[in-house]
Amino acid sequence: MPNIVFLVVDSGATWQFNRRFYELTGLNPAEEDGFFPRVVTHEDDIATHDVQWVNAFQNHLPLIGEVRVRADDGEY
């Protein structure tokens, strides 16, 4: 699957990304702390994404959007 897919726990932390996320970012799933998306999201996209995230999470809505993600080679 070319899309990044993940689950979210009640606290809002992310959990269990699909393999594509780890292949793209080079992050190690064993080091997952629930906040990996912030580590690799472009800084100019974080504020807008945070608003969308809170709205989706609080209202139990799907989160559909785009952010620039830093790949393992450092490019977004």
PDB file of N, CA and C in Angstrom:
ATOM      1  N   MET A   1       0.845  -1.165   0.000  1.00  0.00           N
ATOM      2  CA  MET A   1       0.000   0.000   0.000  1.00  0.00           C
ATOM      3  C   MET A   1       0.897   1.237   0.000  1.00  0.00           C
ATOM      4  N   PRO A   2       0.692   2.179  -0.912  1.00  0.00           N
ATOM      5  CA  PRO A   2       1.564   3.359  -0.980  1.00  0.00           C
ATOM      6  C   PRO A   2       1.257   4.407   0.083  1.00  0.00           C
ATOM      7  N   ASN A   3       0.105   4.336   0.718  1.00  0.00           N
ATOM      8  CA  ASN A   3      -0.290   5.323   1.722  1.00  0.00           C
ATOM      9  C   ASN A   3       0.246   4.947   3.095  1.00  0.00           C
ATOM     10  N   ILE A   4       0.417   5.972   3.927  1.00  0.00           N
ATOM     11  CA  ILE A   4       0.817   5.731   5.305  1.00  0.00           C
ATOM     12  C   ILE A   4      -0.452   5.558   6.127  1.00  0.00           C
ATOM     13  N   VAL A   5      -0.504   4.481   6.884  1.00  0.00           N
ATOM     14  CA  VAL A   5      -1.675   4.158   7.685  1.00  0.00           C
ATOM     15  C   VAL A   5      -1.209   3.885   9.109  1.00  0.00           C
ATOM     16  N   PHE A   6      -2.018   4.310  10.094  1.00  0.00           N
ATOM     17  CA  PHE A   6      -1.660   4.081  11.486  1.00  0.00           C
ATOM     18  C   PHE A   6      -2.906   4.084  12.349  1.00  0.00           C
ATOM     19  N   LEU A   7      -2.748   3.660  13.574  1.00  0.00           N
ATOM     20  CA  LEU A   7      -3.821   3.665  14.558  1.00  0.00           C
ATOM     21  C   LEU A   7      -3.518   4.742  15.597  1.00  0.00           C
ATOM     22  N   VAL A   8      -4.549   5.172  16.300  1.00  0.00           N
ATOM     23  CA  VAL A   8      -4.399   6.178  17.357  1.00  0.00           C
ATOM     24  C   VAL A   8      -5.069   5.654  18.614  1.00  0.00           C
ATOM     25  N   VAL A   9      -4.389   5.780  19.740  1.00  0.00           N
ATOM     26  CA  VAL A   9      -4.960   5.357  21.018  1.00  0.00           C
ATOM     27  C   VAL A   9      -5.741   6.517  21.636  1.00  0.00           C
ATOM     28  N   ASP A  10      -6.478   6.239  22.704  1.00  0.00           N
ATOM     29  CA  ASP A  10      -7.349   7.243  23.333  1.00  0.00           C
ATOM     30  C   ASP A  10      -6.623   8.513  23.761  1.00  0.00           C
ATOM     31  N   SER A  11      -5.344   8.413  24.072  1.00  0.00           N
ATOM     32  CA  SER A  11      -4.584   9.588  24.497  1.00  0.00           C
ATOM     33  C   SER A  11      -4.226  10.499  23.329  1.00  0.00           C
ATOM     34  N   GLY A  12      -4.406  10.011  22.095  1.00  0.00           N
ATOM     35  CA  GLY A  12      -4.047  10.776  20.910  1.00  0.00           C
ATOM     36  C   GLY A  12      -2.698  10.399  20.341  1.00  0.00           C
ATOM     37  N   ALA A  13      -1.984   9.525  21.011  1.00  0.00           N
ATOM     38  CA  ALA A  13      -0.687   9.073  20.501  1.00  0.00           C
ATOM     39  C   ALA A  13      -0.907   8.087  19.355  1.00  0.00           C
ATOM     40  N   THR A  14      -0.012   8.130  18.409  1.00  0.00           N
ATOM     41  CA  THR A  14      -0.089   7.200  17.286  1.00  0.00           C
ATOM     42  C   THR A  14       0.494   5.856  17.693  1.00  0.00           C
ATOM     43  N   TRP A  15       0.060   4.843  16.985  1.00  0.00           N
ATOM     44  CA  TRP A  15       0.500   3.502  17.313  1.00  0.00           C
ATOM     45  C   TRP A  15       0.404   2.641  16.072  1.00  0.00           C
ATOM     46  N   GLN A  16       1.365   1.808  15.870  1.00  0.00           N
ATOM     47  CA  GLN A  16       1.369   0.787  14.829  1.00  0.00           C
ATOM     48  C   GLN A  16       1.207   1.350  13.421  1.00  0.00           C
ATOM     49  N   PHE A  17       2.219   2.024  12.957  1.00  0.00           N
ATOM     50  CA  PHE A  17       2.250   2.464  11.570  1.00  0.00           C
ATOM     51  C   PHE A  17       2.396   1.261  10.656  1.00  0.00           C
ATOM     52  N   ASN A  18       1.987   1.409   9.405  1.00  0.00           N
ATOM     53  CA  ASN A  18       2.232   0.331   8.458  1.00  0.00           C
ATOM     54  C   ASN A  18       3.690   0.400   7.976  1.00  0.00           C
ATOM     55  N   ARG A  19       4.098  -0.629   7.315  1.00  0.00           N
ATOM     56  CA  ARG A  19       5.496  -0.761   6.881  1.00  0.00           C
ATOM     57  C   ARG A  19       5.939   0.400   5.991  1.00  0.00           C
ATOM     58  N   ARG A  20       5.050   0.939   5.186  1.00  0.00           N
ATOM     59  CA  ARG A  20       5.407   2.025   4.269  1.00  0.00           C
ATOM     60  C   ARG A  20       5.983   3.232   5.016  1.00  0.00           C
ATOM     61  N   PHE A  21       5.427   3.570   6.173  1.00  0.00           N
ATOM     62  CA  PHE A  21       5.917   4.700   6.961  1.00  0.00           C
ATOM     63  C   PHE A  21       7.381   4.492   7.339  1.00  0.00           C
ATOM     64  N   TYR A  22       7.700   3.314   7.816  1.00  0.00           N
ATOM     65  CA  TYR A  22       9.074   3.036   8.255  1.00  0.00           C
ATOM     66  C   TYR A  22      10.034   2.951   7.072  1.00  0.00           C
ATOM     67  N   GLU A  23       9.562   2.412   5.950  1.00  0.00           N
ATOM     68  CA  GLU A  23      10.396   2.371   4.747  1.00  0.00           C
ATOM     69  C   GLU A  23      10.717   3.783   4.277  1.00  0.00           C
ATOM     70  N   LEU A  24       9.745   4.659   4.279  1.00  0.00           N
ATOM     71  CA  LEU A  24       9.928   6.026   3.803  1.00  0.00           C
ATOM     72  C   LEU A  24      10.827   6.837   4.731  1.00  0.00           C
ATOM     73  N   THR A  25      10.573   6.782   6.019  1.00  0.00           N
ATOM     74  CA  THR A  25      11.266   7.657   6.969  1.00  0.00           C
ATOM     75  C   THR A  25      12.576   7.097   7.501  1.00  0.00           C
ATOM     76  N   GLY A  26      12.738   5.784   7.442  1.00  0.00           N
ATOM     77  CA  GLY A  26      13.931   5.165   8.002  1.00  0.00           C
ATOM     78  C   GLY A  26      13.886   5.051   9.520  1.00  0.00           C
ATOM     79  N   LEU A  27      12.750   5.415  10.126  1.00  0.00           N
ATOM     80  CA  LEU A  27      12.616   5.304  11.578  1.00  0.00           C
ATOM     81  C   LEU A  27      12.477   3.843  11.973  1.00  0.00           C
ATOM     82  N   ASN A  28      12.874   3.544  13.183  1.00  0.00           N
ATOM     83  CA  ASN A  28      12.848   2.175  13.688  1.00  0.00           C
ATOM     84  C   ASN A  28      11.559   1.957  14.479  1.00  0.00           C
ATOM     85  N   PRO A  29      10.718   1.002  14.075  1.00  0.00           N
ATOM     86  CA  PRO A  29       9.477   0.778  14.801  1.00  0.00           C
ATOM     87  C   PRO A  29       9.682   0.391  16.260  1.00  0.00           C
ATOM     88  N   ALA A  30      10.834  -0.148  16.596  1.00  0.00           N
ATOM     89  CA  ALA A  30      11.107  -0.522  17.981  1.00  0.00           C
ATOM     90  C   ALA A  30      11.266   0.710  18.879  1.00  0.00           C
ATOM     91  N   GLU A  31      11.500   1.875  18.262  1.00  0.00           N
ATOM     92  CA  GLU A  31      11.678   3.110  19.020  1.00  0.00           C
ATOM     93  C   GLU A  31      10.414   3.965  19.028  1.00  0.00           C
ATOM     94  N   GLU A  32       9.302   3.423  18.587  1.00  0.00           N
ATOM     95  CA  GLU A  32       8.033   4.158  18.513  1.00  0.00           C
ATOM     96  C   GLU A  32       7.671   4.729  19.881  1.00  0.00           C
ATOM     97  N   ASP A  33       7.395   6.032  19.900  1.00  0.00           N
ATOM     98  CA  ASP A  33       7.026   6.679  21.159  1.00  0.00           C
ATOM     99  C   ASP A  33       5.635   7.299  21.104  1.00  0.00           C
ATOM    100  N   GLY A  34       4.920   7.102  20.000  1.00  0.00           N
ATOM    101  CA  GLY A  34       3.591   7.665  19.857  1.00  0.00           C
ATOM    102  C   GLY A  34       3.576   9.039  19.225  1.00  0.00           C
ATOM    103  N   PHE A  35       4.770   9.587  18.966  1.00  0.00           N
ATOM    104  CA  PHE A  35       4.832  10.926  18.394  1.00  0.00           C
ATOM    105  C   PHE A  35       5.759  10.999  17.184  1.00  0.00           C
ATOM    106  N   PHE A  36       5.980   9.864  16.532  1.00  0.00           N
ATOM    107  CA  PHE A  36       6.823   9.832  15.340  1.00  0.00           C
ATOM    108  C   PHE A  36       6.382  10.831  14.271  1.00  0.00           C
ATOM    109  N   PRO A  37       5.083  11.043  14.041  1.00  0.00           N
ATOM    110  CA  PRO A  37       4.718  11.974  12.974  1.00  0.00           C
ATOM    111  C   PRO A  37       5.313  13.361  13.173  1.00  0.00           C
ATOM    112  N   ARG A  38       5.410  13.841  14.380  1.00  0.00           N
ATOM    113  CA  ARG A  38       5.972  15.169  14.630  1.00  0.00           C
ATOM    114  C   ARG A  38       7.461  15.220  14.292  1.00  0.00           C
ATOM    115  N   VAL A  39       8.142  14.120  14.463  1.00  0.00           N
ATOM    116  CA  VAL A  39       9.585  14.063  14.204  1.00  0.00           C
ATOM    117  C   VAL A  39       9.886  14.262  12.726  1.00  0.00           C
ATOM    118  N   VAL A  40       9.021  13.766  11.854  1.00  0.00           N
ATOM    119  CA  VAL A  40       9.297  13.790  10.417  1.00  0.00           C
ATOM    120  C   VAL A  40       8.387  14.721   9.621  1.00  0.00           C
ATOM    121  N   THR A  41       7.466  15.414  10.289  1.00  0.00           N
ATOM    122  CA  THR A  41       6.585  16.351   9.592  1.00  0.00           C
ATOM    123  C   THR A  41       7.298  17.681   9.399  1.00  0.00           C
ATOM    124  N   HIS A  42       7.180  18.248   8.207  1.00  0.00           N
ATOM    125  CA  HIS A  42       7.801  19.538   7.906  1.00  0.00           C
ATOM    126  C   HIS A  42       7.288  20.581   8.892  1.00  0.00           C
ATOM    127  N   GLU A  43       8.178  21.396   9.428  1.00  0.00           N
ATOM    128  CA  GLU A  43       7.803  22.356  10.474  1.00  0.00           C
ATOM    129  C   GLU A  43       6.726  23.340  10.024  1.00  0.00           C
ATOM    130  N   ASP A  44       6.669  23.648   8.740  1.00  0.00           N
ATOM    131  CA  ASP A  44       5.646  24.574   8.242  1.00  0.00           C
ATOM    132  C   ASP A  44       4.259  23.928   8.164  1.00  0.00           C
ATOM    133  N   ASP A  45       4.185  22.614   8.295  1.00  0.00           N
ATOM    134  CA  ASP A  45       2.906  21.901   8.203  1.00  0.00           C
ATOM    135  C   ASP A  45       2.336  21.538   9.572  1.00  0.00           C
ATOM    136  N   ILE A  46       3.129  21.649  10.613  1.00  0.00           N
ATOM    137  CA  ILE A  46       2.708  21.153  11.928  1.00  0.00           C
ATOM    138  C   ILE A  46       1.507  21.916  12.488  1.00  0.00           C
ATOM    139  N   ALA A  47       1.501  23.240  12.446  1.00  0.00           N
ATOM    140  CA  ALA A  47       0.407  24.010  13.055  1.00  0.00           C
ATOM    141  C   ALA A  47      -0.933  23.688  12.403  1.00  0.00           C
ATOM    142  N   THR A  48      -0.982  23.677  11.085  1.00  0.00           N
ATOM    143  CA  THR A  48      -2.232  23.362  10.386  1.00  0.00           C
ATOM    144  C   THR A  48      -2.658  21.932  10.674  1.00  0.00           C
ATOM    145  N   HIS A  49      -1.705  21.026  10.641  1.00  0.00           N
ATOM    146  CA  HIS A  49      -2.024  19.620  10.899  1.00  0.00           C
ATOM    147  C   HIS A  49      -2.534  19.428  12.331  1.00  0.00           C
ATOM    148  N   ASP A  50      -1.957  20.142  13.284  1.00  0.00           N
ATOM    149  CA  ASP A  50      -2.399  20.024  14.679  1.00  0.00           C
ATOM    150  C   ASP A  50      -3.875  20.394  14.826  1.00  0.00           C
ATOM    151  N   VAL A  51      -4.308  21.465  14.148  1.00  0.00           N
ATOM    152  CA  VAL A  51      -5.716  21.880  14.205  1.00  0.00           C
ATOM    153  C   VAL A  51      -6.604  20.788  13.619  1.00  0.00           C
ATOM    154  N   GLN A  52      -6.204  20.241  12.479  1.00  0.00           N
ATOM    155  CA  GLN A  52      -6.982  19.166  11.844  1.00  0.00           C
ATOM    156  C   GLN A  52      -7.006  17.928  12.739  1.00  0.00           C
ATOM    157  N   TRP A  53      -5.875  17.611  13.339  1.00  0.00           N
ATOM    158  CA  TRP A  53      -5.762  16.438  14.211  1.00  0.00           C
ATOM    159  C   TRP A  53      -6.710  16.547  15.405  1.00  0.00           C
ATOM    160  N   VAL A  54      -6.679  17.688  16.081  1.00  0.00           N
ATOM    161  CA  VAL A  54      -7.531  17.889  17.256  1.00  0.00           C
ATOM    162  C   VAL A  54      -9.001  17.798  16.876  1.00  0.00           C
ATOM    163  N   ASN A  55      -9.379  18.421  15.782  1.00  0.00           N
ATOM    164  CA  ASN A  55     -10.768  18.366  15.343  1.00  0.00           C
ATOM    165  C   ASN A  55     -11.190  16.927  15.055  1.00  0.00           C
ATOM    166  N   ALA A  56     -10.392  16.211  14.327  1.00  0.00           N
ATOM    167  CA  ALA A  56     -10.725  14.821  13.987  1.00  0.00           C
ATOM    168  C   ALA A  56     -10.782  13.954  15.235  1.00  0.00           C
ATOM    169  N   PHE A  57      -9.818  14.127  16.108  1.00  0.00           N
ATOM    170  CA  PHE A  57      -9.742  13.296  17.304  1.00  0.00           C
ATOM    171  C   PHE A  57     -10.911  13.571  18.248  1.00  0.00           C
ATOM    172  N   GLN A  58     -11.182  14.844  18.510  1.00  0.00           N
ATOM    173  CA  GLN A  58     -12.252  15.192  19.448  1.00  0.00           C
ATOM    174  C   GLN A  58     -13.643  14.842  18.915  1.00  0.00           C
ATOM    175  N   ASN A  59     -13.800  14.893  17.607  1.00  0.00           N
ATOM    176  CA  ASN A  59     -15.111  14.643  17.006  1.00  0.00           C
ATOM    177  C   ASN A  59     -15.240  13.257  16.389  1.00  0.00           C
ATOM    178  N   HIS A  60     -14.234  12.417  16.608  1.00  0.00           N
ATOM    179  CA  HIS A  60     -14.230  11.042  16.093  1.00  0.00           C
ATOM    180  C   HIS A  60     -14.467  11.010  14.578  1.00  0.00           C
ATOM    181  N   LEU A  61     -13.705  11.841  13.873  1.00  0.00           N
ATOM    182  CA  LEU A  61     -13.798  11.937  12.428  1.00  0.00           C
ATOM    183  C   LEU A  61     -12.533  11.388  11.788  1.00  0.00           C
ATOM    184  N   PRO A  62     -12.616  10.939  10.555  1.00  0.00           N
ATOM    185  CA  PRO A  62     -11.398  10.527   9.855  1.00  0.00           C
ATOM    186  C   PRO A  62     -10.488  11.744   9.634  1.00  0.00           C
ATOM    187  N   LEU A  63      -9.214  11.524   9.698  1.00  0.00           N
ATOM    188  CA  LEU A  63      -8.256  12.584   9.412  1.00  0.00           C
ATOM    189  C   LEU A  63      -7.729  12.340   8.007  1.00  0.00           C
ATOM    190  N   ILE A  64      -8.105  13.209   7.116  1.00  0.00           N
ATOM    191  CA  ILE A  64      -7.667  13.091   5.729  1.00  0.00           C
ATOM    192  C   ILE A  64      -6.977  14.392   5.368  1.00  0.00           C
ATOM    193  N   GLY A  65      -5.736  14.312   5.005  1.00  0.00           N
ATOM    194  CA  GLY A  65      -4.996  15.514   4.669  1.00  0.00           C
ATOM    195  C   GLY A  65      -3.609  15.157   4.185  1.00  0.00           C
ATOM    196  N   GLU A  66      -2.840  16.182   3.955  1.00  0.00           N
ATOM    197  CA  GLU A  66      -1.482  15.973   3.475  1.00  0.00           C
ATOM    198  C   GLU A  66      -0.520  16.828   4.280  1.00  0.00           C
ATOM    199  N   VAL A  67       0.625  16.258   4.580  1.00  0.00           N
ATOM    200  CA  VAL A  67       1.743  16.973   5.177  1.00  0.00           C
ATOM    201  C   VAL A  67       3.005  16.489   4.479  1.00  0.00           C
ATOM    202  N   ARG A  68       3.999  17.323   4.509  1.00  0.00           N
ATOM    203  CA  ARG A  68       5.297  16.896   3.963  1.00  0.00           C
ATOM    204  C   ARG A  68       6.004  16.072   5.021  1.00  0.00           C
ATOM    205  N   VAL A  69       6.479  14.901   4.610  1.00  0.00           N
ATOM    206  CA  VAL A  69       7.148  13.982   5.512  1.00  0.00           C
ATOM    207  C   VAL A  69       8.605  13.849   5.072  1.00  0.00           C
ATOM    208  N   ARG A  70       9.512  13.979   6.046  1.00  0.00           N
ATOM    209  CA  ARG A  70      10.943  13.848   5.745  1.00  0.00           C
ATOM    210  C   ARG A  70      11.281  12.393   5.503  1.00  0.00           C
ATOM    211  N   ALA A  71      11.794  12.120   4.336  1.00  0.00           N
ATOM    212  CA  ALA A  71      12.219  10.766   3.992  1.00  0.00           C
ATOM    213  C   ALA A  71      13.568  10.454   4.619  1.00  0.00           C
ATOM    214  N   ASP A  72      13.944   9.219   4.546  1.00  0.00           N
ATOM    215  CA  ASP A  72      15.212   8.751   5.110  1.00  0.00           C
ATOM    216  C   ASP A  72      16.409   9.491   4.532  1.00  0.00           C
ATOM    217  N   ASP A  73      16.277   9.988   3.279  1.00  0.00           N
ATOM    218  CA  ASP A  73      17.388  10.710   2.641  1.00  0.00           C
ATOM    219  C   ASP A  73      17.412  12.190   2.988  1.00  0.00           C
ATOM    220  N   GLY A  74      16.489  12.640   3.859  1.00  0.00           N
ATOM    221  CA  GLY A  74      16.450  14.030   4.292  1.00  0.00           C
ATOM    222  C   GLY A  74      15.563  14.925   3.443  1.00  0.00           C
ATOM    223  N   GLU A  75      15.078  14.428   2.337  1.00  0.00           N
ATOM    224  CA  GLU A  75      14.192  15.203   1.459  1.00  0.00           C
ATOM    225  C   GLU A  75      12.744  15.071   1.910  1.00  0.00           C
ATOM    226  N   TYR A  76      11.928  16.115   1.632  1.00  0.00           N
ATOM    227  CA  TYR A  76      10.511  16.077   1.946  1.00  0.00           C
ATOM    228  C   TYR A  76       9.718  15.750   0.697  1.00  0.00           C
TER     229      TYR A  76
END
